[in-house]
Amino acid sequence: MERVTSHTGQRRRQTALGLRSHERRCSTYEPWYRSTRLIVIYLILIAPVGAVMMWVYRPRWRLAVKVLLTLWAVLVLVVAFYR
């Protein structure tokens, strides 16, 4: 490891890749609103919002899964409006 002086005059450590460990972790950081866990919670609690988030933020989910979950969201809306 070598020490590098930043433009502010502070010394910082760099790894062989040129990034500190927390910078490497942050480079793959996913915003909280795009997390799969939150989308599933919204699909359960607020189905229409979860369906929109699923289509916008999870393009890699299988099409069949997204269609089934969207139908679930529509069913929840229909039942909620006709109660």
N, C-alpha and C. Protein backbone atom coordinates (compact mmCIF):
# COMPACT_ATOMS: atom_id res chain seq x y z
N MET A 1 0.84 -1.18 0.00
CA MET A 1 0.00 0.00 0.00
C MET A 1 0.88 1.24 0.00
N GLU A 2 0.42 2.19 -0.73
CA GLU A 2 1.15 3.45 -0.75
C GLU A 2 0.25 4.56 -0.23
N ARG A 3 0.86 5.58 0.27
CA ARG A 3 0.09 6.72 0.76
C ARG A 3 0.04 7.78 -0.33
N VAL A 4 -1.13 8.34 -0.49
CA VAL A 4 -1.34 9.36 -1.50
C VAL A 4 -1.92 10.58 -0.82
N THR A 5 -1.46 11.74 -1.22
CA THR A 5 -1.99 12.97 -0.65
C THR A 5 -3.10 13.48 -1.56
N SER A 6 -4.26 13.74 -0.98
CA SER A 6 -5.38 14.24 -1.77
C SER A 6 -5.23 15.72 -2.03
N HIS A 7 -6.15 16.27 -2.81
CA HIS A 7 -6.08 17.69 -3.15
C HIS A 7 -6.28 18.58 -1.93
N THR A 8 -6.84 18.02 -0.84
CA THR A 8 -7.03 18.82 0.37
C THR A 8 -5.82 18.75 1.29
N GLY A 9 -4.83 17.99 0.88
CA GLY A 9 -3.62 17.88 1.69
C GLY A 9 -3.67 16.76 2.71
N GLN A 10 -4.80 16.06 2.79
CA GLN A 10 -4.91 14.96 3.74
C GLN A 10 -4.34 13.71 3.12
N ARG A 11 -3.76 12.88 3.96
CA ARG A 11 -3.21 11.62 3.48
C ARG A 11 -4.27 10.55 3.56
N ARG A 12 -4.30 9.70 2.57
CA ARG A 12 -5.24 8.58 2.58
C ARG A 12 -4.56 7.36 1.98
N ARG A 13 -5.06 6.19 2.36
CA ARG A 13 -4.49 4.94 1.87
C ARG A 13 -5.27 4.47 0.64
N GLN A 14 -4.54 3.85 -0.24
CA GLN A 14 -5.18 3.25 -1.40
C GLN A 14 -4.76 1.79 -1.49
N THR A 15 -5.64 1.00 -2.04
CA THR A 15 -5.31 -0.41 -2.25
C THR A 15 -4.68 -0.55 -3.62
N ALA A 16 -4.42 -1.79 -4.00
CA ALA A 16 -3.81 -2.05 -5.31
C ALA A 16 -4.70 -1.58 -6.45
N LEU A 17 -6.01 -1.59 -6.24
CA LEU A 17 -6.93 -1.14 -7.28
C LEU A 17 -7.10 0.37 -7.31
N GLY A 18 -6.54 1.03 -6.34
CA GLY A 18 -6.66 2.48 -6.30
C GLY A 18 -7.87 2.96 -5.53
N LEU A 19 -8.61 2.07 -4.92
CA LEU A 19 -9.79 2.46 -4.17
C LEU A 19 -9.68 1.94 -2.75
N ARG A 20 -10.18 2.72 -1.83
CA ARG A 20 -10.25 2.24 -0.45
C ARG A 20 -11.38 1.22 -0.35
N SER A 21 -11.38 0.41 0.69
CA SER A 21 -12.34 -0.68 0.79
C SER A 21 -13.78 -0.17 0.79
N HIS A 22 -14.09 0.90 1.52
CA HIS A 22 -15.48 1.37 1.54
C HIS A 22 -15.87 1.99 0.20
N GLU A 23 -14.92 2.50 -0.56
CA GLU A 23 -15.23 3.02 -1.88
C GLU A 23 -15.59 1.88 -2.83
N ARG A 24 -14.93 0.74 -2.67
CA ARG A 24 -15.27 -0.41 -3.50
C ARG A 24 -16.66 -0.91 -3.17
N ARG A 25 -17.01 -0.94 -1.89
CA ARG A 25 -18.35 -1.37 -1.50
C ARG A 25 -19.39 -0.41 -2.03
N CYS A 26 -19.11 0.87 -1.99
CA CYS A 26 -20.07 1.87 -2.43
C CYS A 26 -20.25 1.89 -3.94
N SER A 27 -19.29 1.40 -4.69
CA SER A 27 -19.42 1.42 -6.13
C SER A 27 -20.52 0.48 -6.60
N THR A 28 -20.87 -0.53 -5.81
CA THR A 28 -21.97 -1.43 -6.16
C THR A 28 -23.19 -1.15 -5.29
N TYR A 29 -23.19 -0.03 -4.62
CA TYR A 29 -24.28 0.33 -3.72
C TYR A 29 -25.58 0.48 -4.50
N GLU A 30 -26.66 -0.08 -3.94
CA GLU A 30 -27.97 0.03 -4.54
C GLU A 30 -28.84 0.89 -3.63
N PRO A 31 -29.52 1.89 -4.17
CA PRO A 31 -30.38 2.73 -3.33
C PRO A 31 -31.44 1.90 -2.61
N TRP A 32 -31.86 2.34 -1.44
CA TRP A 32 -32.80 1.58 -0.62
C TRP A 32 -34.11 1.33 -1.35
N TYR A 33 -34.55 2.25 -2.17
CA TYR A 33 -35.84 2.10 -2.82
C TYR A 33 -35.79 1.10 -3.99
N ARG A 34 -34.61 0.62 -4.36
CA ARG A 34 -34.49 -0.38 -5.41
C ARG A 34 -34.25 -1.78 -4.86
N SER A 35 -34.24 -1.93 -3.55
CA SER A 35 -33.92 -3.24 -2.97
C SER A 35 -35.07 -4.22 -3.19
N THR A 36 -34.71 -5.45 -3.43
CA THR A 36 -35.70 -6.50 -3.65
C THR A 36 -36.59 -6.67 -2.43
N ARG A 37 -36.00 -6.58 -1.26
CA ARG A 37 -36.76 -6.74 -0.02
C ARG A 37 -37.88 -5.70 0.08
N LEU A 38 -37.58 -4.45 -0.23
CA LEU A 38 -38.60 -3.40 -0.15
C LEU A 38 -39.68 -3.61 -1.20
N ILE A 39 -39.29 -4.01 -2.39
CA ILE A 39 -40.28 -4.24 -3.45
C ILE A 39 -41.24 -5.35 -3.05
N VAL A 40 -40.72 -6.42 -2.46
CA VAL A 40 -41.59 -7.52 -2.02
C VAL A 40 -42.52 -7.05 -0.91
N ILE A 41 -42.03 -6.25 0.02
CA ILE A 41 -42.88 -5.71 1.08
C ILE A 41 -44.00 -4.86 0.49
N TYR A 42 -43.66 -4.02 -0.48
CA TYR A 42 -44.69 -3.21 -1.13
C TYR A 42 -45.68 -4.08 -1.91
N LEU A 43 -45.20 -5.15 -2.52
CA LEU A 43 -46.11 -6.04 -3.23
C LEU A 43 -47.12 -6.67 -2.28
N ILE A 44 -46.71 -6.90 -1.05
CA ILE A 44 -47.61 -7.50 -0.06
C ILE A 44 -48.54 -6.45 0.55
N LEU A 45 -47.98 -5.31 0.95
CA LEU A 45 -48.76 -4.30 1.67
C LEU A 45 -49.50 -3.32 0.76
N ILE A 46 -48.82 -2.83 -0.26
CA ILE A 46 -49.39 -1.84 -1.18
C ILE A 46 -49.12 -2.36 -2.59
N ALA A 47 -49.94 -3.32 -3.01
CA ALA A 47 -49.67 -4.06 -4.24
C ALA A 47 -49.47 -3.20 -5.49
N PRO A 48 -50.27 -2.17 -5.74
CA PRO A 48 -50.05 -1.39 -6.96
C PRO A 48 -48.69 -0.67 -6.98
N VAL A 49 -48.29 -0.16 -5.86
CA VAL A 49 -46.99 0.52 -5.78
C VAL A 49 -45.87 -0.50 -5.98
N GLY A 50 -46.00 -1.66 -5.37
CA GLY A 50 -45.01 -2.71 -5.53
C GLY A 50 -44.90 -3.18 -6.97
N ALA A 51 -46.05 -3.27 -7.67
CA ALA A 51 -46.03 -3.69 -9.07
C ALA A 51 -45.28 -2.69 -9.93
N VAL A 52 -45.53 -1.42 -9.73
CA VAL A 52 -44.82 -0.39 -10.50
C VAL A 52 -43.33 -0.43 -10.20
N MET A 53 -42.98 -0.54 -8.93
CA MET A 53 -41.56 -0.60 -8.57
C MET A 53 -40.90 -1.83 -9.18
N MET A 54 -41.62 -2.94 -9.20
CA MET A 54 -41.07 -4.17 -9.76
C MET A 54 -40.76 -3.99 -11.25
N TRP A 55 -41.66 -3.40 -12.01
CA TRP A 55 -41.44 -3.21 -13.44
C TRP A 55 -40.34 -2.19 -13.71
N VAL A 56 -40.24 -1.16 -12.89
CA VAL A 56 -39.26 -0.10 -13.12
C VAL A 56 -37.86 -0.50 -12.65
N TYR A 57 -37.76 -1.06 -11.44
CA TYR A 57 -36.46 -1.28 -10.82
C TYR A 57 -35.93 -2.70 -10.92
N ARG A 58 -36.70 -3.66 -11.37
CA ARG A 58 -36.25 -5.04 -11.45
C ARG A 58 -36.44 -5.61 -12.85
N PRO A 59 -35.73 -5.10 -13.85
CA PRO A 59 -35.91 -5.60 -15.22
C PRO A 59 -35.41 -7.03 -15.40
N ARG A 60 -34.57 -7.53 -14.49
CA ARG A 60 -34.02 -8.88 -14.64
C ARG A 60 -34.92 -9.96 -14.08
N TRP A 61 -35.99 -9.59 -13.39
CA TRP A 61 -36.92 -10.61 -12.92
C TRP A 61 -37.58 -11.25 -14.13
N ARG A 62 -37.92 -12.50 -14.02
CA ARG A 62 -38.56 -13.21 -15.13
C ARG A 62 -39.90 -12.57 -15.47
N LEU A 63 -40.23 -12.58 -16.75
CA LEU A 63 -41.47 -11.98 -17.23
C LEU A 63 -42.68 -12.65 -16.60
N ALA A 64 -42.67 -13.97 -16.50
CA ALA A 64 -43.81 -14.69 -15.92
C ALA A 64 -44.05 -14.27 -14.47
N VAL A 65 -43.00 -14.08 -13.71
CA VAL A 65 -43.13 -13.65 -12.31
C VAL A 65 -43.72 -12.25 -12.25
N LYS A 66 -43.23 -11.37 -13.11
CA LYS A 66 -43.75 -9.99 -13.10
C LYS A 66 -45.21 -9.94 -13.53
N VAL A 67 -45.58 -10.75 -14.50
CA VAL A 67 -46.98 -10.77 -14.94
C VAL A 67 -47.88 -11.30 -13.83
N LEU A 68 -47.48 -12.38 -13.18
CA LEU A 68 -48.29 -12.94 -12.09
C LEU A 68 -48.44 -11.95 -10.94
N LEU A 69 -47.36 -11.29 -10.57
CA LEU A 69 -47.43 -10.33 -9.47
C LEU A 69 -48.24 -9.10 -9.86
N THR A 70 -48.21 -8.71 -11.12
CA THR A 70 -49.03 -7.60 -11.58
C THR A 70 -50.51 -7.98 -11.54
N LEU A 71 -50.83 -9.21 -11.94
CA LEU A 71 -52.22 -9.67 -11.84
C LEU A 71 -52.68 -9.70 -10.38
N TRP A 72 -51.77 -10.06 -9.48
CA TRP A 72 -52.08 -10.03 -8.04
C TRP A 72 -52.41 -8.59 -7.61
N ALA A 73 -51.62 -7.64 -8.07
CA ALA A 73 -51.85 -6.23 -7.71
C ALA A 73 -53.19 -5.75 -8.25
N VAL A 74 -53.54 -6.14 -9.48
CA VAL A 74 -54.82 -5.76 -10.06
C VAL A 74 -55.96 -6.38 -9.27
N LEU A 75 -55.82 -7.64 -8.90
CA LEU A 75 -56.85 -8.31 -8.10
C LEU A 75 -57.04 -7.61 -6.76
N VAL A 76 -55.95 -7.23 -6.12
CA VAL A 76 -56.05 -6.51 -4.84
C VAL A 76 -56.79 -5.19 -5.04
N LEU A 77 -56.50 -4.47 -6.11
CA LEU A 77 -57.19 -3.20 -6.38
C LEU A 77 -58.69 -3.43 -6.61
N VAL A 78 -59.03 -4.43 -7.40
CA VAL A 78 -60.43 -4.70 -7.70
C VAL A 78 -61.19 -5.05 -6.43
N VAL A 79 -60.62 -5.92 -5.62
CA VAL A 79 -61.27 -6.30 -4.36
C VAL A 79 -61.41 -5.10 -3.44
N ALA A 80 -60.40 -4.25 -3.40
CA ALA A 80 -60.45 -3.07 -2.52
C ALA A 80 -61.54 -2.08 -2.97
N PHE A 81 -61.72 -1.91 -4.26
CA PHE A 81 -62.71 -0.95 -4.75
C PHE A 81 -64.13 -1.47 -4.69
N TYR A 82 -64.32 -2.76 -4.77
CA TYR A 82 -65.68 -3.32 -4.80
C TYR A 82 -66.10 -3.92 -3.48
N ARG A 83 -65.50 -3.54 -2.42
CA ARG A 83 -65.89 -4.01 -1.08
C ARG A 83 -67.02 -3.23 -0.55
